[in-house]
């Protein structure tokens, strides 16, 4: 088993390192751009795993595209200085980022207990970059509503995928020893 293909690396280490590095690299451009580092880190982590499949044939394959499109729209809004691109207050920004991170952790638990390890792993990726947004908001007091929008939309997509799973998970449709229909890890 390769360390790079391990789910813990893909879900926790890679998104954390990418989001922190991107936020630090965007810092010279200003706080508005650096706040977008968490969303860009999520998109790059999703590029690494599970990848961008086209055409997206399942709901889970649409999630990276949702993250990419919403991050591109957020970047456009920041470039145009649209409403919602001013930093929230330190307290409000931290509360919003913490609530988003806690919601992503709840989605990860729902995915793990509800029958989809892929969606649980994607939710952990979301929680990890949400944690970077919390750190960035605590350190620089620069959390923008538009920078949290890609994370929120990806979380909503994960929640919808989990809600549309068959009752009883994959075992209800394929027998007692069935695996997650979305999940085919390369580390097995």
Protein backbone atom coordinates (compact mmCIF):
# COMPACT_ATOMS: atom_id res chain seq x y z
CA UNK A 1 0.00 0.00 0.00
CA UNK A 2 1.34 3.39 -0.98
CA UNK A 3 1.22 6.25 1.50
CA UNK A 4 -0.10 8.57 -1.22
CA UNK A 5 -3.05 6.25 -1.92
CA UNK A 6 -4.00 5.87 1.73
CA UNK A 7 -7.41 7.41 2.59
CA UNK A 8 -6.00 9.27 5.61
CA UNK A 9 -3.43 11.01 3.43
CA UNK A 10 -6.03 11.84 0.76
CA UNK A 11 -8.62 13.07 3.26
CA UNK A 12 -6.56 14.84 5.90
CA UNK A 13 -2.94 15.54 4.99
CA UNK A 14 -3.16 16.52 1.32
CA UNK A 15 -6.09 18.99 1.61
CA UNK A 16 -4.59 20.56 4.73
CA UNK A 17 -1.16 21.09 3.17
CA UNK A 18 -2.59 22.35 -0.13
CA UNK A 19 -5.02 24.78 1.50
CA UNK A 20 -2.34 26.18 3.83
CA UNK A 21 0.21 26.51 1.04
CA UNK A 22 -2.23 28.20 -1.33
CA UNK A 23 -3.40 30.62 1.36
CA UNK A 24 0.22 31.52 2.10
CA UNK A 25 1.03 31.94 -1.60
CA UNK A 26 -2.02 34.15 -2.16
CA UNK A 27 -1.29 36.32 0.90
CA UNK A 28 0.79 38.88 -1.06
CA UNK A 29 -2.23 39.48 -3.33
CA UNK A 30 -4.30 40.56 -0.33
CA UNK A 31 -6.58 39.09 2.29
CA UNK A 32 -9.44 38.67 -0.16
CA UNK A 33 -7.46 36.26 -2.30
CA UNK A 34 -5.81 34.48 0.61
CA UNK A 35 -9.23 33.69 2.09
CA UNK A 36 -9.98 31.73 -1.10
CA UNK A 37 -7.05 29.40 -0.35
CA UNK A 38 -9.22 26.82 1.43
CA UNK A 39 -11.54 26.44 -1.56
CA UNK A 40 -8.62 26.24 -3.99
CA UNK A 41 -6.96 23.65 -1.75
CA UNK A 42 -10.16 21.59 -1.89
CA UNK A 43 -10.27 21.77 -5.68
CA UNK A 44 -6.63 20.69 -6.00
CA UNK A 45 -7.13 17.85 -3.51
CA UNK A 46 -10.17 16.72 -5.49
CA UNK A 47 -8.07 16.87 -8.65
CA UNK A 48 -5.63 14.45 -7.03
CA UNK A 49 -8.36 12.18 -5.69
CA UNK A 50 -11.01 11.19 -6.84
CA UNK A 51 -10.33 13.24 -9.96
CA UNK A 52 -12.51 15.08 -12.44
CA UNK A 53 -14.36 12.53 -14.57
CA UNK A 54 -16.18 13.73 -17.65
CA UNK A 55 -18.92 13.00 -18.29
CA UNK A 56 -19.88 12.68 -14.66
CA UNK A 57 -22.09 9.61 -14.59
CA UNK A 58 -22.87 9.50 -10.87
CA UNK A 59 -23.80 12.10 -8.30
CA UNK A 60 -20.51 11.59 -6.50
CA UNK A 61 -18.56 12.33 -9.70
CA UNK A 62 -20.36 15.68 -9.93
CA UNK A 63 -19.00 16.90 -6.57
CA UNK A 64 -15.52 17.88 -7.85
CA UNK A 65 -17.19 19.82 -10.66
CA UNK A 66 -19.43 21.62 -8.16
CA UNK A 67 -16.35 22.59 -6.14
CA UNK A 68 -14.48 23.76 -9.26
CA UNK A 69 -17.37 25.80 -10.66
CA UNK A 70 -18.23 27.46 -7.36
CA UNK A 71 -14.56 28.26 -6.68
CA UNK A 72 -14.26 29.82 -10.14
CA UNK A 73 -17.36 31.93 -9.46
CA UNK A 74 -15.97 32.97 -6.07
CA UNK A 75 -12.66 33.97 -7.69
CA UNK A 76 -14.57 35.99 -10.29
CA UNK A 77 -16.57 37.72 -7.56
CA UNK A 78 -13.36 38.57 -5.70
CA UNK A 79 -11.74 39.87 -8.88
CA UNK A 80 -14.77 42.08 -9.59
CA UNK A 81 -15.06 43.13 -5.92
CA UNK A 82 -18.69 42.06 -5.89
CA UNK A 83 -20.84 42.24 -2.76
CA UNK A 84 -19.87 39.58 -0.25
CA UNK A 85 -16.16 39.99 -0.85
CA UNK A 86 -15.52 42.13 2.22
CA UNK A 87 -14.25 40.33 5.27
CA UNK A 88 -16.74 39.55 8.00
CA UNK A 89 -15.86 40.61 11.50
CA UNK A 90 -13.40 38.37 13.30
CA UNK A 91 -16.07 36.81 15.51
CA UNK A 92 -18.65 36.31 12.75
CA UNK A 93 -16.06 34.90 10.36
CA UNK A 94 -14.77 32.43 12.91
CA UNK A 95 -18.28 31.32 13.85
CA UNK A 96 -19.20 30.76 10.18
CA UNK A 97 -16.00 28.80 9.47
CA UNK A 98 -16.33 26.70 12.64
CA UNK A 99 -19.97 25.87 11.88
CA UNK A 100 -19.05 24.86 8.33
CA UNK A 101 -16.26 22.63 9.64
CA UNK A 102 -18.54 21.01 12.21
CA UNK A 103 -21.18 20.40 9.55
CA UNK A 104 -18.56 18.74 7.33
CA UNK A 105 -17.49 16.51 10.23
CA UNK A 106 -21.14 15.56 10.75
CA UNK A 107 -21.38 14.73 7.04
CA UNK A 108 -18.29 12.52 7.36
CA UNK A 109 -19.88 10.63 10.24
CA UNK A 110 -23.14 10.33 8.31
CA UNK A 111 -21.26 8.98 5.29
CA UNK A 112 -19.21 6.50 7.31
CA UNK A 113 -22.21 5.22 9.25
CA UNK A 114 -24.67 5.59 6.39
CA UNK A 115 -22.97 3.37 3.85
CA UNK A 116 -20.68 5.45 1.64
CA UNK A 117 -17.00 5.58 2.45
CA UNK A 118 -16.33 7.73 -0.62
CA UNK A 119 -18.73 10.42 0.56
CA UNK A 120 -17.31 10.15 4.08
CA UNK A 121 -13.81 10.68 2.71
CA UNK A 122 -14.95 13.65 0.61
CA UNK A 123 -16.65 15.15 3.66
CA UNK A 124 -13.41 14.72 5.63
CA UNK A 125 -11.59 16.60 2.87
CA UNK A 126 -14.17 19.35 3.22
CA UNK A 127 -13.76 19.40 7.01
CA UNK A 128 -9.99 19.60 6.66
CA UNK A 129 -10.05 22.64 4.39
CA UNK A 130 -12.76 24.11 6.62
CA UNK A 131 -10.28 23.78 9.48
CA UNK A 132 -7.78 25.75 7.39
CA UNK A 133 -10.43 28.45 6.91
CA UNK A 134 -10.87 28.52 10.70
CA UNK A 135 -7.11 28.88 11.20
CA UNK A 136 -6.93 31.58 8.55
CA UNK A 137 -9.88 33.46 10.07
CA UNK A 138 -8.36 33.23 13.53
CA UNK A 139 -4.92 34.32 12.35
CA UNK A 140 -5.79 37.00 9.80
CA UNK A 141 -9.44 37.81 10.63
CA UNK A 142 -10.22 37.52 6.94
CA UNK A 143 -13.15 35.22 6.26
CA UNK A 144 -15.21 36.29 3.28
CA UNK A 145 -18.73 35.01 2.72
CA UNK A 146 -17.87 34.33 -0.91
CA UNK A 147 -14.79 32.29 0.07
CA UNK A 148 -16.95 29.95 2.16
CA UNK A 149 -19.53 29.55 -0.61
CA UNK A 150 -17.62 26.80 -2.54
CA UNK A 151 -17.20 24.84 0.69
CA UNK A 152 -20.88 25.24 1.52
CA UNK A 153 -22.05 24.17 -1.94
CA UNK A 154 -19.78 21.12 -1.90
CA UNK A 155 -21.14 20.21 1.52
CA UNK A 156 -24.69 20.54 0.25
CA UNK A 157 -23.78 18.27 -2.67
CA UNK A 158 -22.35 15.65 -0.31
CA UNK A 159 -25.47 15.86 1.86
CA UNK A 160 -27.70 15.36 -1.18
CA UNK A 161 -25.65 12.36 -2.32
CA UNK A 162 -25.96 10.85 1.15
CA UNK A 163 -29.69 11.53 1.24
CA UNK A 164 -30.18 9.78 -2.11
CA UNK A 165 -28.38 6.60 -1.06
CA UNK A 166 -30.70 3.60 -0.99
CA UNK A 167 -32.22 2.85 2.40
CA UNK A 168 -29.91 0.54 4.32
CA UNK A 169 -26.88 1.45 2.20
CA UNK A 170 -25.40 -0.75 -0.51
CA UNK A 171 -26.07 -3.93 1.44
CA UNK A 172 -29.81 -3.50 0.86
CA UNK A 173 -29.41 -3.76 -2.90
CA UNK A 174 -26.46 -6.14 -3.44
CA UNK A 175 -26.53 -8.58 -0.55
CA UNK A 176 -24.90 -8.76 2.84
CA UNK A 177 -21.23 -8.54 1.74
CA UNK A 178 -21.58 -5.65 -0.71
CA UNK A 179 -19.24 -2.67 -0.79
CA UNK A 180 -20.02 0.99 -1.27
CA UNK A 181 -21.22 1.46 -4.88
CA UNK A 182 -19.24 4.71 -5.17
CA UNK A 183 -16.01 3.59 -3.56
CA UNK A 184 -13.21 1.70 -5.33
CA UNK A 185 -10.02 2.57 -3.43
CA UNK A 186 -6.65 1.90 -5.07
CA UNK A 187 -5.02 0.96 -1.77
CA UNK A 188 -6.76 -2.43 -1.45
